[in-house]
Amino acid sequence: MQGCSDQALLATLAERGPAEMATLADEFEIHPVTITERCYELQTDGHVRQISGGVYVITDDGRAYLESLSE
């Protein structure tokens, strides 16, 4: 899976639950720094939350945002 759109990243977190940056980077075949930057931006918007060092989970706001992207 290449590329890392908000929709793809949020859908992965919604489907799989909490995930580490390295796992997401492997999944999307991109550099871990790119995943970190995307998650930071999504966290700033309230769509994901860091639950421990490098592990992120989707929030309720993130689920609503994901649903709006799917429409």
N, C-alpha and C. Protein backbone atom coordinates (compact mmCIF):
# COMPACT_ATOMS: atom_id res chain seq x y z
N MET A 1 0.86 -1.18 0.00
CA MET A 1 0.00 0.00 0.00
C MET A 1 0.90 1.23 0.00
N GLN A 2 0.86 2.01 -1.04
CA GLN A 2 1.72 3.17 -1.11
C GLN A 2 0.92 4.44 -0.89
N GLY A 3 1.59 5.48 -0.40
CA GLY A 3 0.93 6.73 -0.11
C GLY A 3 0.33 6.69 1.29
N CYS A 4 0.07 7.86 1.81
CA CYS A 4 -0.45 7.91 3.17
C CYS A 4 -1.42 9.07 3.30
N SER A 5 -2.61 8.89 2.75
CA SER A 5 -3.62 9.92 2.87
C SER A 5 -4.23 9.85 4.27
N ASP A 6 -4.89 10.93 4.68
CA ASP A 6 -5.60 10.92 5.96
C ASP A 6 -6.58 9.76 6.00
N GLN A 7 -7.30 9.59 4.92
CA GLN A 7 -8.32 8.55 4.87
C GLN A 7 -7.70 7.16 5.05
N ALA A 8 -6.63 6.89 4.36
CA ALA A 8 -5.99 5.57 4.45
C ALA A 8 -5.41 5.33 5.84
N LEU A 9 -4.78 6.33 6.40
CA LEU A 9 -4.18 6.18 7.72
C LEU A 9 -5.25 5.99 8.79
N LEU A 10 -6.30 6.81 8.75
CA LEU A 10 -7.37 6.68 9.73
C LEU A 10 -8.12 5.36 9.58
N ALA A 11 -8.34 4.93 8.34
CA ALA A 11 -9.03 3.66 8.11
C ALA A 11 -8.21 2.50 8.68
N THR A 12 -6.90 2.55 8.53
CA THR A 12 -6.04 1.50 9.08
C THR A 12 -6.13 1.48 10.60
N LEU A 13 -6.07 2.64 11.22
CA LEU A 13 -6.17 2.71 12.68
C LEU A 13 -7.56 2.28 13.17
N ALA A 14 -8.59 2.62 12.41
CA ALA A 14 -9.95 2.23 12.80
C ALA A 14 -10.12 0.71 12.71
N GLU A 15 -9.52 0.12 11.70
CA GLU A 15 -9.65 -1.32 11.48
C GLU A 15 -8.80 -2.14 12.44
N ARG A 16 -7.57 -1.71 12.65
CA ARG A 16 -6.61 -2.52 13.40
C ARG A 16 -6.44 -2.11 14.86
N GLY A 17 -6.89 -0.91 15.22
CA GLY A 17 -6.66 -0.43 16.57
C GLY A 17 -5.31 0.24 16.69
N PRO A 18 -4.81 0.39 17.91
CA PRO A 18 -3.53 1.07 18.12
C PRO A 18 -2.41 0.47 17.29
N ALA A 19 -1.57 1.35 16.74
CA ALA A 19 -0.47 0.88 15.90
C ALA A 19 0.77 1.72 16.13
N GLU A 20 1.93 1.06 16.02
CA GLU A 20 3.22 1.74 16.15
C GLU A 20 3.61 2.38 14.83
N MET A 21 4.42 3.43 14.94
CA MET A 21 4.88 4.14 13.75
C MET A 21 5.60 3.21 12.78
N ALA A 22 6.47 2.35 13.28
CA ALA A 22 7.24 1.46 12.41
C ALA A 22 6.31 0.52 11.64
N THR A 23 5.28 0.02 12.31
CA THR A 23 4.33 -0.87 11.66
C THR A 23 3.58 -0.13 10.56
N LEU A 24 3.15 1.09 10.86
CA LEU A 24 2.43 1.89 9.85
C LEU A 24 3.34 2.24 8.68
N ALA A 25 4.59 2.58 8.97
CA ALA A 25 5.54 2.90 7.90
C ALA A 25 5.73 1.70 6.98
N ASP A 26 5.85 0.52 7.55
CA ASP A 26 5.97 -0.69 6.73
C ASP A 26 4.70 -0.92 5.91
N GLU A 27 3.56 -0.74 6.54
CA GLU A 27 2.27 -0.95 5.87
C GLU A 27 2.12 -0.06 4.65
N PHE A 28 2.48 1.22 4.82
CA PHE A 28 2.31 2.19 3.73
C PHE A 28 3.54 2.32 2.84
N GLU A 29 4.60 1.58 3.19
CA GLU A 29 5.84 1.59 2.41
C GLU A 29 6.40 3.00 2.27
N ILE A 30 6.44 3.71 3.40
CA ILE A 30 7.00 5.06 3.43
C ILE A 30 7.91 5.20 4.65
N HIS A 31 8.65 6.25 4.68
CA HIS A 31 9.60 6.50 5.76
C HIS A 31 8.85 6.77 7.07
N PRO A 32 9.36 6.26 8.18
CA PRO A 32 8.71 6.49 9.47
C PRO A 32 8.50 7.97 9.81
N VAL A 33 9.41 8.83 9.35
CA VAL A 33 9.25 10.27 9.62
C VAL A 33 7.97 10.80 8.97
N THR A 34 7.63 10.29 7.79
CA THR A 34 6.41 10.71 7.11
C THR A 34 5.18 10.32 7.92
N ILE A 35 5.18 9.11 8.46
CA ILE A 35 4.07 8.67 9.31
C ILE A 35 3.99 9.53 10.57
N THR A 36 5.13 9.80 11.17
CA THR A 36 5.16 10.63 12.37
C THR A 36 4.57 12.00 12.08
N GLU A 37 4.95 12.60 10.96
CA GLU A 37 4.42 13.92 10.60
C GLU A 37 2.91 13.88 10.37
N ARG A 38 2.43 12.85 9.66
CA ARG A 38 0.99 12.72 9.40
C ARG A 38 0.23 12.55 10.72
N CYS A 39 0.74 11.68 11.59
CA CYS A 39 0.06 11.45 12.88
C CYS A 39 0.09 12.71 13.74
N TYR A 40 1.18 13.44 13.70
CA TYR A 40 1.26 14.69 14.47
C TYR A 40 0.18 15.67 13.99
N GLU A 41 0.04 15.80 12.68
CA GLU A 41 -0.99 16.70 12.13
C GLU A 41 -2.39 16.22 12.49
N LEU A 42 -2.62 14.91 12.40
CA LEU A 42 -3.93 14.37 12.75
C LEU A 42 -4.19 14.51 14.25
N GLN A 43 -3.15 14.40 15.06
CA GLN A 43 -3.31 14.59 16.50
C GLN A 43 -3.63 16.05 16.81
N THR A 44 -2.98 16.97 16.12
CA THR A 44 -3.26 18.39 16.31
C THR A 44 -4.72 18.70 16.01
N ASP A 45 -5.28 18.00 15.02
CA ASP A 45 -6.69 18.19 14.65
C ASP A 45 -7.64 17.38 15.51
N GLY A 46 -7.10 16.55 16.41
CA GLY A 46 -7.93 15.76 17.31
C GLY A 46 -8.42 14.45 16.73
N HIS A 47 -7.84 14.00 15.61
CA HIS A 47 -8.30 12.79 14.94
C HIS A 47 -7.61 11.52 15.42
N VAL A 48 -6.40 11.65 15.96
CA VAL A 48 -5.70 10.52 16.56
C VAL A 48 -5.13 10.99 17.90
N ARG A 49 -4.75 10.00 18.71
CA ARG A 49 -4.16 10.30 20.01
C ARG A 49 -2.99 9.35 20.22
N GLN A 50 -1.89 9.91 20.72
CA GLN A 50 -0.73 9.08 21.03
C GLN A 50 -0.97 8.46 22.41
N ILE A 51 -0.93 7.12 22.48
CA ILE A 51 -1.21 6.46 23.75
C ILE A 51 0.06 6.00 24.44
N SER A 52 1.15 5.94 23.73
CA SER A 52 2.47 5.68 24.30
C SER A 52 3.49 6.05 23.24
N GLY A 53 4.76 5.94 23.59
CA GLY A 53 5.80 6.32 22.65
C GLY A 53 5.66 5.69 21.28
N GLY A 54 5.23 6.46 20.31
CA GLY A 54 5.15 5.96 18.94
C GLY A 54 3.93 5.12 18.62
N VAL A 55 2.97 5.02 19.53
CA VAL A 55 1.75 4.24 19.28
C VAL A 55 0.56 5.20 19.24
N TYR A 56 -0.19 5.13 18.14
CA TYR A 56 -1.34 6.01 17.96
C TYR A 56 -2.62 5.21 17.83
N VAL A 57 -3.72 5.87 18.21
CA VAL A 57 -5.05 5.28 18.11
C VAL A 57 -6.00 6.35 17.55
N ILE A 58 -7.00 5.94 16.81
CA ILE A 58 -7.98 6.86 16.27
C ILE A 58 -8.92 7.31 17.39
N THR A 59 -9.37 8.56 17.35
CA THR A 59 -10.31 9.10 18.33
C THR A 59 -11.73 9.06 17.75
N ASP A 60 -12.70 9.38 18.58
CA ASP A 60 -14.08 9.48 18.09
C ASP A 60 -14.20 10.55 17.02
N ASP A 61 -13.51 11.67 17.22
CA ASP A 61 -13.50 12.73 16.20
C ASP A 61 -12.86 12.22 14.90
N GLY A 62 -11.84 11.40 15.05
CA GLY A 62 -11.19 10.82 13.88
C GLY A 62 -12.11 9.89 13.12
N ARG A 63 -12.92 9.12 13.86
CA ARG A 63 -13.89 8.24 13.21
C ARG A 63 -14.94 9.05 12.44
N ALA A 64 -15.39 10.15 13.04
CA ALA A 64 -16.37 11.02 12.37
C ALA A 64 -15.74 11.66 11.14
N TYR A 65 -14.49 12.09 11.24
CA TYR A 65 -13.78 12.67 10.11
C TYR A 65 -13.61 11.64 9.01
N LEU A 66 -13.24 10.42 9.37
CA LEU A 66 -13.09 9.33 8.40
C LEU A 66 -14.40 9.08 7.68
N GLU A 67 -15.48 9.07 8.43
CA GLU A 67 -16.80 8.86 7.81
C GLU A 67 -17.13 9.98 6.83
N SER A 68 -16.78 11.22 7.17
CA SER A 68 -17.05 12.35 6.27
C SER A 68 -16.19 12.25 5.00
N LEU A 69 -15.00 11.68 5.11
CA LEU A 69 -14.13 11.52 3.93
C LEU A 69 -14.66 10.42 3.01
N SER A 70 -15.38 9.47 3.58
CA SER A 70 -15.89 8.34 2.82
C SER A 70 -17.17 8.66 2.05
N GLU A 71 -17.78 9.76 2.41
CA GLU A 71 -19.07 10.11 1.77
C GLU A 71 -18.88 10.66 0.38
